Amino acid sequence: MSDAKPKVPAVLSVRTKGDLAEALEIVLLTGLDKTDATKWAMQWAAHCLKHAWAQGVVPEGKIPDMQANYRRPERRV
């Protein structure tokens, strides 16, 4: 990957159709507004990529195949 950093726009505008609209609807179920939902999703994606690159799962700049594991909270009896 080149050392040149991509230019990040001050304001991001994307069309929410198809898969992206469905993904946004799911994140909105958390109660976040559209702006915060988009910020949260972008930050989470960046975190996952940064972690995968740091762990050497894939070379920097590549998107790894990902899977998630979930744990239920422990129930106290």
Protein backbone atom coordinates (compact mmCIF):
# COMPACT_ATOMS: atom_id res chain seq x y z
CA MET A 1 0.00 0.00 0.00
CA SER A 2 1.34 3.43 -0.82
CA ASP A 3 2.32 5.87 1.92
CA ALA A 4 -0.04 8.50 0.49
CA LYS A 5 -3.12 8.88 2.66
CA PRO A 6 -6.47 9.05 0.88
CA LYS A 7 -8.23 12.40 1.07
CA VAL A 8 -11.07 12.17 3.58
CA PRO A 9 -14.07 14.40 2.80
CA ALA A 10 -15.30 16.76 5.53
CA VAL A 11 -18.86 15.70 4.74
CA LEU A 12 -19.78 12.24 3.50
CA SER A 13 -22.82 11.73 1.31
CA VAL A 14 -23.91 8.30 0.08
CA ARG A 15 -27.09 6.95 -1.46
CA THR A 16 -28.83 4.50 0.83
CA LYS A 17 -30.30 1.93 -1.50
CA GLY A 18 -30.26 -1.86 -1.54
CA ASP A 19 -27.79 -3.54 0.80
CA LEU A 20 -26.66 -0.27 2.34
CA ALA A 21 -30.24 0.75 3.15
CA GLU A 22 -30.84 -2.65 4.76
CA ALA A 23 -27.65 -2.36 6.80
CA LEU A 24 -28.56 1.13 7.97
CA GLU A 25 -32.05 -0.01 8.97
CA ILE A 26 -30.48 -2.70 11.15
CA VAL A 27 -28.08 -0.29 12.86
CA LEU A 28 -30.94 2.19 13.39
CA LEU A 29 -32.71 -0.46 15.47
CA THR A 30 -30.18 0.39 18.21
CA GLY A 31 -31.82 3.78 18.66
CA LEU A 32 -28.98 5.76 17.09
CA ASP A 33 -29.93 8.49 14.66
CA LYS A 34 -28.77 8.22 11.03
CA THR A 35 -25.65 10.28 11.57
CA ASP A 36 -24.53 8.47 14.72
CA ALA A 37 -25.42 5.08 13.19
CA THR A 38 -23.25 5.85 10.16
CA LYS A 39 -20.37 7.08 12.34
CA TRP A 40 -20.61 4.01 14.58
CA ALA A 41 -20.62 1.61 11.60
CA MET A 42 -17.64 3.33 9.97
CA GLN A 43 -15.67 3.33 13.23
CA TRP A 44 -16.45 -0.36 13.81
CA ALA A 45 -15.40 -1.29 10.27
CA ALA A 46 -12.15 0.67 10.67
CA HIS A 47 -11.47 -1.01 14.02
CA CYS A 48 -11.94 -4.46 12.47
CA LEU A 49 -9.64 -3.66 9.55
CA LYS A 50 -6.95 -2.13 11.75
CA HIS A 51 -7.02 -5.15 14.07
CA ALA A 52 -6.88 -7.66 11.18
CA TRP A 53 -3.92 -5.82 9.64
CA ALA A 54 -2.09 -5.54 12.97
CA GLN A 55 -2.56 -9.28 13.57
CA GLY A 56 -1.28 -10.09 10.08
CA VAL A 57 -4.53 -11.78 9.06
CA VAL A 58 -4.30 -10.06 5.67
CA PRO A 59 -1.89 -7.47 4.25
CA GLU A 60 -2.65 -3.83 5.04
CA GLY A 61 -5.14 -2.43 2.57
CA LYS A 62 -6.90 -5.76 2.01
CA ILE A 63 -10.34 -6.70 3.35
CA PRO A 64 -10.31 -9.97 5.32
CA ASP A 65 -13.07 -12.54 5.46
CA MET A 66 -14.67 -11.96 8.85
CA GLN A 67 -16.80 -13.85 11.30
CA ALA A 68 -18.20 -12.88 14.64
CA ASN A 69 -18.78 -14.89 17.78
CA TYR A 70 -21.31 -13.80 20.36
CA ARG A 71 -21.63 -14.75 24.00
CA ARG A 72 -24.78 -14.54 26.04
CA PRO A 73 -24.42 -12.70 29.31
CA GLU A 74 -23.90 -15.05 32.22
CA ARG A 75 -27.02 -15.58 34.27
CA ARG A 76 -26.62 -15.33 37.99
CA VAL A 77 -28.71 -17.79 39.95
